[in-house]
């Protein structure tokens, strides 16, 4: 047995490599190669690092290190995307439920607790967004920089991989030549042994065969001797090649180990860098060390603790319950205020009361009436522009009763007030109600004469309001067009926003519907319109857009 023991130059681990070769009883081939690295022996195999070309895995590990850097960057980037997506979902969740609280029934300090939970999600979203930014901007940037400094790309390979691969090839080439000689000698020796054994069998069989001539037997014996000489010769050559290989093993191991340690040093650098990167990731992900993170939940706990049932119930009682103030009914003196002339009382700016006066059609008489205040003028203009919504098919008799009642009311108010301003009397002159043409106007003039003869303040000569103007050919300037007459306008319009009717005289329409506008807007911003299905009613003019 030939054994070679050599101490390798590894100061850190004190590695000892021992190579033992012993020829077998039959063939004398290398039966075992064991390497002791200081921990435990490793059995030889056909896949050993010392075999020809088996160093390629160590060289490939350098390429794999570059790929692992790229994979680690992908890992960190995907985690950063998860952090940002989580932060976005938290923000959307918070916005959704904040909108619910803005419109929902929750109130008081309990609502504050709800909002405290939502504020926690907003702050946590900011922290996780920051985590994602740190992972991308700090950690992945470090990996990119380290890759650039330690891996230099050439045409086909990395420069580091190419250099180490060339060094392994240079070291292994002499040993590979010697190994090939050993394998060739081994092959020749085995062939000589096979021929010698075959010839010996033939010679033994010839001796037992009586039919075999002595000359033939002699030839076989001579052939056997030649085979035996060849076996001895090939065996000597085989042993010489093997001894030469074994004598070179020490240098081969030394040189291979030197290149291998260079690969180990490069890989150690990568592993140490990855360890540092893992700590950087830990620092980014560990929110427990961030004072802002702990303060989020301290604030949340304090907000929830502020929930006070008594305070909320007291607030509800003051604003919606038994402790609310109440304008209890009291006795009110009768006041003949004007009722709103426009048909939609809830949208009129003129306050009304039960039993007030309703004027259906009035006209200013500029010759006998001078307004004293701007408010009187505004009321008069409101009456003129709103006549069409209040005047429909009232009878002449109803109008006469209204005029008579108005006259009595004016006289009564004049006697109660010493400082009465006669210029404010709206019933001093003639009134005409244009309802059914010229015939009705004549009747109206007759009724107005009775009003002129009634007692009135001395300075008032006539009624400041004349008859209302109609839409027929007898109309004059300043008249207000009435709805429902034969000459009403018909303008197609598009509904800009959906409107739902709230009163019986309104119509509902959806956004985008095409309707027909039958009137101009009044002072309150309403117009009369007709839908395609024939429904007519009022709708806000601001909801429409004329198509022509």
Foldseek 3Di string as FASTA:
>chain_A
DDWDWDFAPDPPQRFTAIADAAADPPQRGGDWGWGGGNPDIDTDDPLDCLDPPSCVVLLVVVVVLLVVLVVVLVVLLVVLVVLLVQLVVLLVVLVVVVVCLVPDDDDDLVVLLVNLVSVLSNLSSVLSNVLSCCSNVPLNVVSVVVSVVQWDDDDPGTPVSVVLVVLLCVLCVVLVVLVVQLVVLSVQLVVLVVQLVVLVVVLVVLVVDPVRDPVVSVVSVVSNVVSVVSNVVSVVSNVVSVVVSVVCVVVSVRSNVVSSVVSVVSVVVSVVVVVVSVVSSVVSPPCVVPPSNVVSVVSSVVSVVPDDPVVVVVVCCPPPRDVDDDPDDDDDDDDQFEQQLAPDRVLDPGDDDPPHAYDQWWAFAVVFADDDDVVLVVVVQRNQLRNQRNDDQDDLVVVLVSLVVLLVVQVVVPVVDPPDDQNSRQFQAAEAEPDPPPVRRVVSRVSSVVSNPRDGPPSGNHHRIYYAAEPDPPGDPPHHYHFPDPPWDWFKKFFQAWDDDDDPQADTDHHGFIWTWRHDATPSQWTWIAHPVGDIHIDGNVRIGTPD
